[in-house]
Structures are given as C-alpha cells and as structure tokens.
PDB file of N, CA and C in Angstrom:
ATOM      1  N   MET A   1       0.838  -1.175   0.000  1.00  0.00           N
ATOM      2  CA  MET A   1       0.000   0.000   0.000  1.00  0.00           C
ATOM      3  C   MET A   1       0.888   1.244   0.000  1.00  0.00           C
ATOM      4  N   GLN A   2       0.627   2.163  -0.914  1.00  0.00           N
ATOM      5  CA  GLN A   2       1.375   3.404  -1.017  1.00  0.00           C
ATOM      6  C   GLN A   2       0.752   4.443  -0.089  1.00  0.00           C
ATOM      7  N   VAL A   3       1.579   5.069   0.725  1.00  0.00           N
ATOM      8  CA  VAL A   3       1.094   6.079   1.660  1.00  0.00           C
ATOM      9  C   VAL A   3       1.606   7.441   1.215  1.00  0.00           C
ATOM     10  N   ASN A   4       0.711   8.401   1.089  1.00  0.00           N
ATOM     11  CA  ASN A   4       1.092   9.769   0.806  1.00  0.00           C
ATOM     12  C   ASN A   4       1.449  10.399   2.140  1.00  0.00           C
ATOM     13  N   LEU A   5       2.736  10.659   2.344  1.00  0.00           N
ATOM     14  CA  LEU A   5       3.197  11.146   3.645  1.00  0.00           C
ATOM     15  C   LEU A   5       2.601  12.504   4.003  1.00  0.00           C
ATOM     16  N   LYS A   6       2.361  13.343   3.008  1.00  0.00           N
ATOM     17  CA  LYS A   6       1.766  14.649   3.269  1.00  0.00           C
ATOM     18  C   LYS A   6       0.354  14.479   3.831  1.00  0.00           C
ATOM     19  N   ARG A   7      -0.443  13.604   3.211  1.00  0.00           N
ATOM     20  CA  ARG A   7      -1.803  13.362   3.690  1.00  0.00           C
ATOM     21  C   ARG A   7      -1.780  12.742   5.092  1.00  0.00           C
ATOM     22  N   TYR A   8      -0.900  11.776   5.279  1.00  0.00           N
ATOM     23  CA  TYR A   8      -0.814  11.089   6.566  1.00  0.00           C
ATOM     24  C   TYR A   8      -0.407  12.065   7.674  1.00  0.00           C
ATOM     25  N   GLY A   9       0.572  12.929   7.391  1.00  0.00           N
ATOM     26  CA  GLY A   9       1.001  13.917   8.369  1.00  0.00           C
ATOM     27  C   GLY A   9      -0.121  14.885   8.734  1.00  0.00           C
ATOM     28  N   LEU A  10      -0.849  15.362   7.714  1.00  0.00           N
ATOM     29  CA  LEU A  10      -1.985  16.249   7.991  1.00  0.00           C
ATOM     30  C   LEU A  10      -3.055  15.544   8.807  1.00  0.00           C
ATOM     31  N   TYR A  11      -3.281  14.273   8.507  1.00  0.00           N
ATOM     32  CA  TYR A  11      -4.280  13.513   9.262  1.00  0.00           C
ATOM     33  C   TYR A  11      -3.867  13.379  10.725  1.00  0.00           C
ATOM     34  N   LEU A  12      -2.585  13.119  10.971  1.00  0.00           N
ATOM     35  CA  LEU A  12      -2.112  13.001  12.360  1.00  0.00           C
ATOM     36  C   LEU A  12      -2.227  14.327  13.106  1.00  0.00           C
ATOM     37  N   ILE A  13      -1.931  15.429  12.426  1.00  0.00           N
ATOM     38  CA  ILE A  13      -2.104  16.747  13.045  1.00  0.00           C
ATOM     39  C   ILE A  13      -3.581  16.990  13.344  1.00  0.00           C
ATOM     40  N   ARG A  14      -4.437  16.685  12.380  1.00  0.00           N
ATOM     41  CA  ARG A  14      -5.889  16.836  12.572  1.00  0.00           C
ATOM     42  C   ARG A  14      -6.358  16.008  13.757  1.00  0.00           C
ATOM     43  N   TRP A  15      -5.849  14.808  13.858  1.00  0.00           N
ATOM     44  CA  TRP A  15      -6.236  13.920  14.958  1.00  0.00           C
ATOM     45  C   TRP A  15      -5.884  14.556  16.304  1.00  0.00           C
ATOM     46  N   GLN A  16      -4.702  15.153  16.386  1.00  0.00           N
ATOM     47  CA  GLN A  16      -4.288  15.798  17.645  1.00  0.00           C
ATOM     48  C   GLN A  16      -5.130  17.045  17.931  1.00  0.00           C
ATOM     49  N   LEU A  17      -5.525  17.779  16.905  1.00  0.00           N
ATOM     50  CA  LEU A  17      -6.344  18.968  17.115  1.00  0.00           C
ATOM     51  C   LEU A  17      -7.745  18.624  17.615  1.00  0.00           C
ATOM     52  N   SER A  18      -8.204  17.421  17.295  1.00  0.00           N
ATOM     53  CA  SER A  18      -9.546  17.043  17.748  1.00  0.00           C
ATOM     54  C   SER A  18      -9.593  16.872  19.270  1.00  0.00           C
ATOM     55  N   THR A  19      -8.503  16.518  19.887  1.00  0.00           N
ATOM     56  CA  THR A  19      -8.484  16.259  21.329  1.00  0.00           C
ATOM     57  C   THR A  19      -8.895  17.489  22.152  1.00  0.00           C
ATOM     58  N   PRO A  20      -8.241  18.648  21.979  1.00  0.00           N
ATOM     59  CA  PRO A  20      -8.663  19.790  22.807  1.00  0.00           C
ATOM     60  C   PRO A  20     -10.078  20.280  22.474  1.00  0.00           C
ATOM     61  N   ILE A  21     -10.477  20.152  21.221  1.00  0.00           N
ATOM     62  CA  ILE A  21     -11.831  20.594  20.856  1.00  0.00           C
ATOM     63  C   ILE A  21     -12.871  19.711  21.546  1.00  0.00           C
ATOM     64  N   LEU A  22     -12.691  18.408  21.464  1.00  0.00           N
ATOM     65  CA  LEU A  22     -13.652  17.504  22.100  1.00  0.00           C
ATOM     66  C   LEU A  22     -13.576  17.594  23.624  1.00  0.00           C
ATOM     67  N   ALA A  23     -12.390  17.818  24.148  1.00  0.00           N
ATOM     68  CA  ALA A  23     -12.262  17.993  25.606  1.00  0.00           C
ATOM     69  C   ALA A  23     -13.015  19.245  26.057  1.00  0.00           C
ATOM     70  N   GLY A  24     -12.949  20.309  25.253  1.00  0.00           N
ATOM     71  CA  GLY A  24     -13.683  21.538  25.572  1.00  0.00           C
ATOM     72  C   GLY A  24     -15.183  21.309  25.580  1.00  0.00           C
ATOM     73  N   VAL A  25     -15.662  20.555  24.609  1.00  0.00           N
ATOM     74  CA  VAL A  25     -17.099  20.245  24.554  1.00  0.00           C
ATOM     75  C   VAL A  25     -17.488  19.418  25.782  1.00  0.00           C
ATOM     76  N   LEU A  26     -16.680  18.434  26.124  1.00  0.00           N
ATOM     77  CA  LEU A  26     -16.980  17.619  27.309  1.00  0.00           C
ATOM     78  C   LEU A  26     -16.947  18.450  28.587  1.00  0.00           C
ATOM     79  N   TYR A  27     -16.057  19.429  28.650  1.00  0.00           N
ATOM     80  CA  TYR A  27     -16.002  20.304  29.820  1.00  0.00           C
ATOM     81  C   TYR A  27     -17.308  21.094  29.949  1.00  0.00           C
ATOM     82  N   ILE A  28     -17.779  21.617  28.822  1.00  0.00           N
ATOM     83  CA  ILE A  28     -19.025  22.384  28.817  1.00  0.00           C
ATOM     84  C   ILE A  28     -20.212  21.500  29.213  1.00  0.00           C
ATOM     85  N   LEU A  29     -20.166  20.234  28.796  1.00  0.00           N
ATOM     86  CA  LEU A  29     -21.272  19.312  29.066  1.00  0.00           C
ATOM     87  C   LEU A  29     -21.050  18.482  30.330  1.00  0.00           C
ATOM     88  N   ALA A  30     -20.161  18.926  31.202  1.00  0.00           N
ATOM     89  CA  ALA A  30     -19.765  18.149  32.385  1.00  0.00           C
ATOM     90  C   ALA A  30     -20.931  17.838  33.319  1.00  0.00           C
ATOM     91  N   THR A  31     -21.969  18.624  33.289  1.00  0.00           N
ATOM     92  CA  THR A  31     -23.094  18.378  34.195  1.00  0.00           C
ATOM     93  C   THR A  31     -24.023  17.286  33.659  1.00  0.00           C
ATOM     94  N   MET A  32     -23.825  16.866  32.429  1.00  0.00           N
ATOM     95  CA  MET A  32     -24.677  15.824  31.831  1.00  0.00           C
ATOM     96  C   MET A  32     -24.145  14.433  32.172  1.00  0.00           C
ATOM     97  N   ASP A  33     -24.944  13.441  31.895  1.00  0.00           N
ATOM     98  CA  ASP A  33     -24.510  12.048  31.991  1.00  0.00           C
ATOM     99  C   ASP A  33     -23.287  11.872  31.065  1.00  0.00           C
ATOM    100  N   ALA A  34     -22.247  11.174  31.540  1.00  0.00           N
ATOM    101  CA  ALA A  34     -20.984  11.044  30.795  1.00  0.00           C
ATOM    102  C   ALA A  34     -21.190  10.428  29.411  1.00  0.00           C
ATOM    103  N   LEU A  35     -22.035   9.400  29.305  1.00  0.00           N
ATOM    104  CA  LEU A  35     -22.256   8.740  28.020  1.00  0.00           C
ATOM    105  C   LEU A  35     -22.941   9.692  27.035  1.00  0.00           C
ATOM    106  N   ILE A  36     -23.960  10.395  27.488  1.00  0.00           N
ATOM    107  CA  ILE A  36     -24.664  11.338  26.607  1.00  0.00           C
ATOM    108  C   ILE A  36     -23.725  12.472  26.188  1.00  0.00           C
ATOM    109  N   ALA A  37     -22.936  12.988  27.125  1.00  0.00           N
ATOM    110  CA  ALA A  37     -21.986  14.058  26.811  1.00  0.00           C
ATOM    111  C   ALA A  37     -20.952  13.582  25.781  1.00  0.00           C
ATOM    112  N   THR A  38     -20.502  12.344  25.923  1.00  0.00           N
ATOM    113  CA  THR A  38     -19.528  11.788  24.978  1.00  0.00           C
ATOM    114  C   THR A  38     -20.136  11.640  23.592  1.00  0.00           C
ATOM    115  N   VAL A  39     -21.364  11.153  23.517  1.00  0.00           N
ATOM    116  CA  VAL A  39     -22.053  11.020  22.232  1.00  0.00           C
ATOM    117  C   VAL A  39     -22.206  12.387  21.574  1.00  0.00           C
ATOM    118  N   ILE A  40     -22.626  13.383  22.338  1.00  0.00           N
ATOM    119  CA  ILE A  40     -22.803  14.739  21.793  1.00  0.00           C
ATOM    120  C   ILE A  40     -21.450  15.299  21.319  1.00  0.00           C
ATOM    121  N   ALA A  41     -20.402  15.107  22.121  1.00  0.00           N
ATOM    122  CA  ALA A  41     -19.068  15.588  21.743  1.00  0.00           C
ATOM    123  C   ALA A  41     -18.595  14.925  20.447  1.00  0.00           C
ATOM    124  N   ASN A  42     -18.833  13.625  20.324  1.00  0.00           N
ATOM    125  CA  ASN A  42     -18.430  12.932  19.102  1.00  0.00           C
ATOM    126  C   ASN A  42     -19.243  13.377  17.894  1.00  0.00           C
ATOM    127  N   LEU A  43     -20.512  13.668  18.086  1.00  0.00           N
ATOM    128  CA  LEU A  43     -21.326  14.194  16.982  1.00  0.00           C
ATOM    129  C   LEU A  43     -20.799  15.561  16.533  1.00  0.00           C
ATOM    130  N   ILE A  44     -20.471  16.409  17.487  1.00  0.00           N
ATOM    131  CA  ILE A  44     -19.909  17.717  17.152  1.00  0.00           C
ATOM    132  C   ILE A  44     -18.567  17.539  16.427  1.00  0.00           C
ATOM    133  N   GLY A  45     -17.743  16.645  16.941  1.00  0.00           N
ATOM    134  CA  GLY A  45     -16.465  16.348  16.279  1.00  0.00           C
ATOM    135  C   GLY A  45     -16.663  15.853  14.858  1.00  0.00           C
ATOM    136  N   GLY A  46     -17.648  14.986  14.660  1.00  0.00           N
ATOM    137  CA  GLY A  46     -17.938  14.487  13.321  1.00  0.00           C
ATOM    138  C   GLY A  46     -18.387  15.589  12.381  1.00  0.00           C
ATOM    139  N   LEU A  47     -19.205  16.508  12.893  1.00  0.00           N
ATOM    140  CA  LEU A  47     -19.658  17.633  12.072  1.00  0.00           C
ATOM    141  C   LEU A  47     -18.490  18.514  11.634  1.00  0.00           C
ATOM    142  N   ILE A  48     -17.522  18.672  12.511  1.00  0.00           N
ATOM    143  CA  ILE A  48     -16.359  19.511  12.197  1.00  0.00           C
ATOM    144  C   ILE A  48     -15.351  18.757  11.333  1.00  0.00           C
ATOM    145  N   PHE A  49     -14.942  17.585  11.799  1.00  0.00           N
ATOM    146  CA  PHE A  49     -13.788  16.919  11.199  1.00  0.00           C
ATOM    147  C   PHE A  49     -14.107  16.109   9.949  1.00  0.00           C
ATOM    148  N   PHE A  50     -15.360  15.864   9.662  1.00  0.00           N
ATOM    149  CA  PHE A  50     -15.708  15.232   8.389  1.00  0.00           C
ATOM    150  C   PHE A  50     -15.143  16.062   7.242  1.00  0.00           C
ATOM    151  N   TRP A  51     -15.329  17.385   7.314  1.00  0.00           N
ATOM    152  CA  TRP A  51     -14.905  18.280   6.229  1.00  0.00           C
ATOM    153  C   TRP A  51     -13.384  18.361   6.145  1.00  0.00           C
ATOM    154  N   VAL A  52     -12.729  18.355   7.284  1.00  0.00           N
ATOM    155  CA  VAL A  52     -11.268  18.385   7.295  1.00  0.00           C
ATOM    156  C   VAL A  52     -10.717  17.082   6.707  1.00  0.00           C
ATOM    157  N   ASP A  53     -11.258  15.946   7.149  1.00  0.00           N
ATOM    158  CA  ASP A  53     -10.811  14.653   6.624  1.00  0.00           C
ATOM    159  C   ASP A  53     -11.094  14.532   5.130  1.00  0.00           C
ATOM    160  N   ARG A  54     -12.235  15.025   4.718  1.00  0.00           N
ATOM    161  CA  ARG A  54     -12.586  14.977   3.296  1.00  0.00           C
ATOM    162  C   ARG A  54     -11.546  15.736   2.468  1.00  0.00           C
ATOM    163  N   PHE A  55     -11.137  16.907   2.942  1.00  0.00           N
ATOM    164  CA  PHE A  55     -10.086  17.656   2.249  1.00  0.00           C
ATOM    165  C   PHE A  55      -8.784  16.865   2.226  1.00  0.00           C
ATOM    166  N   ILE A  56      -8.383  16.332   3.368  1.00  0.00           N
ATOM    167  CA  ILE A  56      -7.115  15.606   3.456  1.00  0.00           C
ATOM    168  C   ILE A  56      -7.084  14.436   2.478  1.00  0.00           C
ATOM    169  N   PHE A  57      -8.165  13.683   2.383  1.00  0.00           N
ATOM    170  CA  PHE A  57      -8.140  12.457   1.589  1.00  0.00           C
ATOM    171  C   PHE A  57      -8.592  12.615   0.144  1.00  0.00           C
ATOM    172  N   THR A  58      -9.119  13.786  -0.234  1.00  0.00           N
ATOM    173  CA  THR A  58      -9.573  13.939  -1.621  1.00  0.00           C
ATOM    174  C   THR A  58      -8.957  15.133  -2.340  1.00  0.00           C
ATOM    175  N   SER A  59      -8.223  15.980  -1.654  1.00  0.00           N
ATOM    176  CA  SER A  59      -7.695  17.188  -2.280  1.00  0.00           C
ATOM    177  C   SER A  59      -6.654  16.867  -3.342  1.00  0.00           C
ATOM    178  N   ARG A  60      -6.838  17.422  -4.518  1.00  0.00           N
ATOM    179  CA  ARG A  60      -5.862  17.261  -5.599  1.00  0.00           C
ATOM    180  C   ARG A  60      -4.582  18.036  -5.283  1.00  0.00           C
ATOM    181  N   ALA A  61      -4.680  19.042  -4.426  1.00  0.00           N
ATOM    182  CA  ALA A  61      -3.509  19.840  -4.063  1.00  0.00           C
ATOM    183  C   ALA A  61      -2.452  19.003  -3.349  1.00  0.00           C
ATOM    184  N   LEU A  62      -2.853  17.888  -2.763  1.00  0.00           N
ATOM    185  CA  LEU A  62      -1.915  17.027  -2.043  1.00  0.00           C
ATOM    186  C   LEU A  62      -1.384  15.883  -2.895  1.00  0.00           C
ATOM    187  N   ASP A  63      -1.854  15.782  -4.151  1.00  0.00           N
ATOM    188  CA  ASP A  63      -1.384  14.746  -5.071  1.00  0.00           C
ATOM    189  C   ASP A  63      -0.037  15.134  -5.665  1.00  0.00           C
ATOM    190  N   ALA A  64       0.578  14.165  -6.346  1.00  0.00           N
ATOM    191  CA  ALA A  64       1.771  14.468  -7.124  1.00  0.00           C
ATOM    192  C   ALA A  64       1.380  15.479  -8.202  1.00  0.00           C
ATOM    193  N   GLN A  65       2.262  16.428  -8.461  1.00  0.00           N
ATOM    194  CA  GLN A  65       1.984  17.471  -9.447  1.00  0.00           C
ATOM    195  C   GLN A  65       2.749  17.161 -10.738  1.00  0.00           C
ATOM    196  N   TRP A  66       2.022  17.132 -11.854  1.00  0.00           N
ATOM    197  CA  TRP A  66       2.590  16.838 -13.171  1.00  0.00           C
ATOM    198  C   TRP A  66       2.443  18.045 -14.075  1.00  0.00           C
ATOM    199  N   GLU A  67       3.366  18.178 -15.016  1.00  0.00           N
ATOM    200  CA  GLU A  67       3.250  19.185 -16.067  1.00  0.00           C
ATOM    201  C   GLU A  67       3.158  18.442 -17.390  1.00  0.00           C
ATOM    202  N   VAL A  68       2.243  18.889 -18.240  1.00  0.00           N
ATOM    203  CA  VAL A  68       2.036  18.273 -19.552  1.00  0.00           C
ATOM    204  C   VAL A  68       2.203  19.362 -20.605  1.00  0.00           C
ATOM    205  N   ARG A  69       2.995  19.055 -21.629  1.00  0.00           N
ATOM    206  CA  ARG A  69       3.174  19.994 -22.745  1.00  0.00           C
ATOM    207  C   ARG A  69       3.035  19.242 -24.066  1.00  0.00           C
ATOM    208  N   GLU A  70       2.578  19.961 -25.054  1.00  0.00           N
ATOM    209  CA  GLU A  70       2.445  19.398 -26.397  1.00  0.00           C
ATOM    210  C   GLU A  70       3.757  19.559 -27.166  1.00  0.00           C
ATOM    211  N   ASN A  71       3.999  18.647 -28.094  1.00  0.00           N
ATOM    212  CA  ASN A  71       5.116  18.720 -29.052  1.00  0.00           C
ATOM    213  C   ASN A  71       6.481  18.924 -28.398  1.00  0.00           C
ATOM    214  N   ILE A  72       6.791  18.056 -27.466  1.00  0.00           N
ATOM    215  CA  ILE A  72       8.115  18.096 -26.839  1.00  0.00           C
ATOM    216  C   ILE A  72       8.981  17.011 -27.488  1.00  0.00           C
ATOM    217  N   LYS A  73      10.258  17.117 -27.295  1.00  0.00           N
ATOM    218  CA  LYS A  73      11.173  16.054 -27.721  1.00  0.00           C
ATOM    219  C   LYS A  73      11.473  15.229 -26.480  1.00  0.00           C
ATOM    220  N   CYS A  74      11.097  13.956 -26.512  1.00  0.00           N
ATOM    221  CA  CYS A  74      11.285  13.063 -25.365  1.00  0.00           C
ATOM    222  C   CYS A  74      12.767  12.947 -25.026  1.00  0.00           C
ATOM    223  N   VAL A  75      13.107  13.158 -23.769  1.00  0.00           N
ATOM    224  CA  VAL A  75      14.488  13.102 -23.314  1.00  0.00           C
ATOM    225  C   VAL A  75      15.065  11.684 -23.424  1.00  0.00           C
ATOM    226  N   ASP A  76      14.204  10.664 -23.427  1.00  0.00           N
ATOM    227  CA  ASP A  76      14.687   9.284 -23.491  1.00  0.00           C
ATOM    228  C   ASP A  76      14.773   8.741 -24.916  1.00  0.00           C
ATOM    229  N   CYS A  77      13.695   8.885 -25.691  1.00  0.00           N
ATOM    230  CA  CYS A  77      13.666   8.244 -27.023  1.00  0.00           C
ATOM    231  C   CYS A  77      13.772   9.230 -28.178  1.00  0.00           C
ATOM    232  N   GLY A  78      13.638  10.529 -27.902  1.00  0.00           N
ATOM    233  CA  GLY A  78      13.776  11.533 -28.945  1.00  0.00           C
ATOM    234  C   GLY A  78      12.526  11.782 -29.778  1.00  0.00           C
ATOM    235  N   LYS A  79      11.451  11.047 -29.518  1.00  0.00           N
ATOM    236  CA  LYS A  79      10.213  11.196 -30.273  1.00  0.00           C
ATOM    237  C   LYS A  79       9.549  12.533 -29.927  1.00  0.00           C
ATOM    238  N   THR A  80       8.938  13.180 -30.932  1.00  0.00           N
ATOM    239  CA  THR A  80       8.159  14.390 -30.693  1.00  0.00           C
ATOM    240  C   THR A  80       6.728  13.978 -30.397  1.00  0.00           C
ATOM    241  N   ALA A  81       6.233  14.372 -29.214  1.00  0.00           N
ATOM    242  CA  ALA A  81       4.900  13.940 -28.768  1.00  0.00           C
ATOM    243  C   ALA A  81       4.462  14.812 -27.604  1.00  0.00           C
ATOM    244  N   ARG A  82       3.299  14.491 -27.070  1.00  0.00           N
ATOM    245  CA  ARG A  82       2.873  15.128 -25.819  1.00  0.00           C
ATOM    246  C   ARG A  82       3.860  14.683 -24.747  1.00  0.00           C
ATOM    247  N   GLY A  83       4.320  15.643 -23.936  1.00  0.00           N
ATOM    248  CA  GLY A  83       5.333  15.329 -22.937  1.00  0.00           C
ATOM    249  C   GLY A  83       4.837  15.483 -21.518  1.00  0.00           C
ATOM    250  N   TYR A  84       5.393  14.651 -20.643  1.00  0.00           N
ATOM    251  CA  TYR A  84       5.013  14.630 -19.237  1.00  0.00           C
ATOM    252  C   TYR A  84       6.271  14.748 -18.393  1.00  0.00           C
ATOM    253  N   ARG A  85       6.123  15.489 -17.292  1.00  0.00           N
ATOM    254  CA  ARG A  85       7.208  15.500 -16.304  1.00  0.00           C
ATOM    255  C   ARG A  85       6.604  15.599 -14.918  1.00  0.00           C
ATOM    256  N   LEU A  86       7.189  14.879 -13.998  1.00  0.00           N
ATOM    257  CA  LEU A  86       6.783  14.950 -12.601  1.00  0.00           C
ATOM    258  C   LEU A  86       7.423  16.190 -12.006  1.00  0.00           C
ATOM    259  N   VAL A  87       6.599  17.091 -11.471  1.00  0.00           N
ATOM    260  CA  VAL A  87       7.098  18.351 -10.936  1.00  0.00           C
ATOM    261  C   VAL A  87       7.367  18.242  -9.437  1.00  0.00           C
ATOM    262  N   ALA A  88       6.406  17.687  -8.690  1.00  0.00           N
ATOM    263  CA  ALA A  88       6.580  17.644  -7.234  1.00  0.00           C
ATOM    264  C   ALA A  88       5.769  16.518  -6.623  1.00  0.00           C
ATOM    265  N   THR A  89       6.334  15.908  -5.601  1.00  0.00           N
ATOM    266  CA  THR A  89       5.630  14.950  -4.744  1.00  0.00           C
ATOM    267  C   THR A  89       5.984  15.345  -3.309  1.00  0.00           C
ATOM    268  N   ASP A  90       5.606  14.512  -2.362  1.00  0.00           N
ATOM    269  CA  ASP A  90       5.945  14.831  -0.973  1.00  0.00           C
ATOM    270  C   ASP A  90       7.445  14.700  -0.699  1.00  0.00           C
ATOM    271  N   THR A  91       8.206  14.015  -1.580  1.00  0.00           N
ATOM    272  CA  THR A  91       9.646  13.850  -1.353  1.00  0.00           C
ATOM    273  C   THR A  91      10.489  14.350  -2.529  1.00  0.00           C
ATOM    274  N   TYR A  92       9.875  15.032  -3.476  1.00  0.00           N
ATOM    275  CA  TYR A  92      10.559  15.431  -4.718  1.00  0.00           C
ATOM    276  C   TYR A  92       9.992  16.760  -5.166  1.00  0.00           C
ATOM    277  N   ASP A  93      10.876  17.711  -5.501  1.00  0.00           N
ATOM    278  CA  ASP A  93      10.375  19.011  -5.963  1.00  0.00           C
ATOM    279  C   ASP A  93      11.295  19.580  -7.033  1.00  0.00           C
ATOM    280  N   ARG A  94      10.771  19.632  -8.255  1.00  0.00           N
ATOM    281  CA  ARG A  94      11.477  20.231  -9.385  1.00  0.00           C
ATOM    282  C   ARG A  94      10.659  21.409  -9.930  1.00  0.00           C
ATOM    283  N   THR A  95      10.013  22.131  -9.033  1.00  0.00           N
ATOM    284  CA  THR A  95       9.150  23.237  -9.419  1.00  0.00           C
ATOM    285  C   THR A  95       9.909  24.305 -10.203  1.00  0.00           C
ATOM    286  N   HIS A  96      11.125  24.587  -9.803  1.00  0.00           N
ATOM    287  CA  HIS A  96      11.895  25.664 -10.430  1.00  0.00           C
ATOM    288  C   HIS A  96      13.045  25.124 -11.284  1.00  0.00           C
ATOM    289  N   ASP A  97      12.884  23.939 -11.835  1.00  0.00           N
ATOM    290  CA  ASP A  97      13.902  23.326 -12.680  1.00  0.00           C
ATOM    291  C   ASP A  97      14.098  24.159 -13.951  1.00  0.00           C
ATOM    292  N   LYS A  98      15.315  24.629 -14.192  1.00  0.00           N
ATOM    293  CA  LYS A  98      15.581  25.470 -15.363  1.00  0.00           C
ATOM    294  C   LYS A  98      15.638  24.659 -16.656  1.00  0.00           C
ATOM    295  N   LYS A  99      15.915  23.366 -16.554  1.00  0.00           N
ATOM    296  CA  LYS A  99      15.959  22.499 -17.735  1.00  0.00           C
ATOM    297  C   LYS A  99      15.110  21.251 -17.470  1.00  0.00           C
ATOM    298  N   PRO A 100      13.788  21.418 -17.474  1.00  0.00           N
ATOM    299  CA  PRO A 100      12.921  20.269 -17.172  1.00  0.00           C
ATOM    300  C   PRO A 100      13.027  19.184 -18.248  1.00  0.00           C
ATOM    301  N   GLU A 101      12.950  17.936 -17.808  1.00  0.00           N
ATOM    302  CA  GLU A 101      13.019  16.793 -18.722  1.00  0.00           C
ATOM    303  C   GLU A 101      11.626  16.223 -18.926  1.00  0.00           C
ATOM    304  N   PHE A 102      11.146  16.322 -20.153  1.00  0.00           N
ATOM    305  CA  PHE A 102       9.842  15.780 -20.515  1.00  0.00           C
ATOM    306  C   PHE A 102      10.022  14.438 -21.207  1.00  0.00           C
ATOM    307  N   ARG A 103       9.073  13.548 -20.972  1.00  0.00           N
ATOM    308  CA  ARG A 103       9.089  12.235 -21.611  1.00  0.00           C
ATOM    309  C   ARG A 103       7.755  12.013 -22.306  1.00  0.00           C
ATOM    310  N   CYS A 104       7.801  11.290 -23.414  1.00  0.00           N
ATOM    311  CA  CYS A 104       6.548  10.893 -24.065  1.00  0.00           C
ATOM    312  C   CYS A 104       5.809   9.955 -23.107  1.00  0.00           C
ATOM    313  N   GLU A 105       4.565   9.666 -23.409  1.00  0.00           N
ATOM    314  CA  GLU A 105       3.764   8.844 -22.495  1.00  0.00           C
ATOM    315  C   GLU A 105       4.404   7.484 -22.245  1.00  0.00           C
ATOM    316  N   GLU A 106       4.866   6.844 -23.296  1.00  0.00           N
ATOM    317  CA  GLU A 106       5.464   5.511 -23.168  1.00  0.00           C
ATOM    318  C   GLU A 106       6.706   5.537 -22.275  1.00  0.00           C
ATOM    319  N   CYS A 107       7.596   6.493 -22.506  1.00  0.00           N
ATOM    320  CA  CYS A 107       8.818   6.588 -21.693  1.00  0.00           C
ATOM    321  C   CYS A 107       8.519   7.044 -20.264  1.00  0.00           C
ATOM    322  N   SER A 108       7.496   7.872 -20.101  1.00  0.00           N
ATOM    323  CA  SER A 108       7.102   8.306 -18.763  1.00  0.00           C
ATOM    324  C   SER A 108       6.616   7.120 -17.934  1.00  0.00           C
ATOM    325  N   ILE A 109       5.842   6.243 -18.554  1.00  0.00           N
ATOM    326  CA  ILE A 109       5.361   5.033 -17.860  1.00  0.00           C
ATOM    327  C   ILE A 109       6.530   4.133 -17.490  1.00  0.00           C
ATOM    328  N   LYS A 110       7.465   3.954 -18.434  1.00  0.00           N
ATOM    329  CA  LYS A 110       8.647   3.120 -18.156  1.00  0.00           C
ATOM    330  C   LYS A 110       9.444   3.684 -16.980  1.00  0.00           C
ATOM    331  N   LYS A 111       9.664   5.013 -16.997  1.00  0.00           N
ATOM    332  CA  LYS A 111      10.416   5.665 -15.925  1.00  0.00           C
ATOM    333  C   LYS A 111       9.702   5.504 -14.581  1.00  0.00           C
ATOM    334  N   SER A 112       8.384   5.693 -14.563  1.00  0.00           N
ATOM    335  CA  SER A 112       7.604   5.532 -13.328  1.00  0.00           C
ATOM    336  C   SER A 112       7.724   4.118 -12.792  1.00  0.00           C
ATOM    337  N   ASN A 113       7.652   3.126 -13.683  1.00  0.00           N
ATOM    338  CA  ASN A 113       7.765   1.727 -13.249  1.00  0.00           C
ATOM    339  C   ASN A 113       9.146   1.426 -12.686  1.00  0.00           C
ATOM    340  N   LYS A 114      10.206   1.979 -13.296  1.00  0.00           N
ATOM    341  CA  LYS A 114      11.560   1.786 -12.770  1.00  0.00           C
ATOM    342  C   LYS A 114      11.691   2.393 -11.369  1.00  0.00           C
ATOM    343  N   LEU A 115      11.127   3.578 -11.196  1.00  0.00           N
ATOM    344  CA  LEU A 115      11.193   4.222  -9.880  1.00  0.00           C
ATOM    345  C   LEU A 115      10.416   3.432  -8.836  1.00  0.00           C
ATOM    346  N   LYS A 116       9.273   2.878  -9.221  1.00  0.00           N
ATOM    347  CA  LYS A 116       8.490   2.052  -8.281  1.00  0.00           C
ATOM    348  C   LYS A 116       9.288   0.830  -7.873  1.00  0.00           C
ATOM    349  N   GLU A 117      10.016   0.214  -8.822  1.00  0.00           N
ATOM    350  CA  GLU A 117      10.839  -0.961  -8.517  1.00  0.00           C
ATOM    351  C   GLU A 117      11.927  -0.621  -7.503  1.00  0.00           C
ATOM    352  N   LYS A 118      12.425   0.616  -7.573  1.00  0.00           N
ATOM    353  CA  LYS A 118      13.483   1.059  -6.644  1.00  0.00           C
ATOM    354  C   LYS A 118      12.916   1.534  -5.310  1.00  0.00           C
ATOM    355  N   GLY A 119      11.584   1.560  -5.192  1.00  0.00           N
ATOM    356  CA  GLY A 119      10.973   1.957  -3.928  1.00  0.00           C
ATOM    357  C   GLY A 119      10.527   3.398  -3.849  1.00  0.00           C
ATOM    358  N   TYR A 120      10.660   4.148  -4.942  1.00  0.00           N
ATOM    359  CA  TYR A 120      10.193   5.536  -4.962  1.00  0.00           C
ATOM    360  C   TYR A 120       8.734   5.559  -5.345  1.00  0.00           C
ATOM    361  N   HIS A 121       7.987   6.429  -4.694  1.00  0.00           N
ATOM    362  CA  HIS A 121       6.548   6.553  -4.986  1.00  0.00           C
ATOM    363  C   HIS A 121       6.229   7.982  -5.369  1.00  0.00           C
ATOM    364  N   HIS A 122       5.238   8.154  -6.236  1.00  0.00           N
ATOM    365  CA  HIS A 122       4.770   9.507  -6.562  1.00  0.00           C
ATOM    366  C   HIS A 122       3.299   9.581  -6.558  1.00  0.00           C
TER     367      HIS A 122
END
C-alpha cells in the first residue's frame, strides 16, 4: 500500500487537534450524563472533522503534481509527442527546474515503473 506522507502527516495533526476541541465540549457538558456528553461531543467532532478529513483524503492539491506539454522532444527516445514531467511529490520538488526533462507517455510510464521498482513513490 502506497502512503502519501503529506496526507498522513496532515491527518495526524488533525487527529491531535480534535483532542482539545472535544475535551472543551466535554467540559461544557460536564453536568450531563458522561455517556450522553460523549455522544454529543463525538457528533460535534464528526460535524467539524468530516470536512477536514474529506479535504485531506480527496484534495488534488496534495497529489503528485505533473506538467504536460504538447510537441516536446522526449528526453529518453527523442520522439516528438505530448510530454510529461513529474514536478513535485511529498519527497521530490522540481518546481523551479531550469531544464525540465519531458518524456513521451510511453517513456514516462517506463520511468515511473523503474522508480516504483526502486521503492520511490509519486
């Protein structure tokens, strides 16, 4: 299973932030029966953190970032085609690369598979 470290880190931070919020709700509801107060606190937490979790697990902003250009010369095979380059992941950033390397679709897939074999994920 491939884990996106950026998403996982945000989820762990979110998890820690839920503790003081739910503790505050339980403090306010301290005069109620403990079970009912806990249920209410968890419902409030669900109302808040559903949206945060949804962002963490579905946001495209946290995915690997690719750049696509038309009519490039593939750095591997020399073919002129639509070109792809990986710009950034959670462990890789070529955002400001002055000489970006584009690959045709076929060579891009080959390169991705080689990196996966070596243990790199994007």
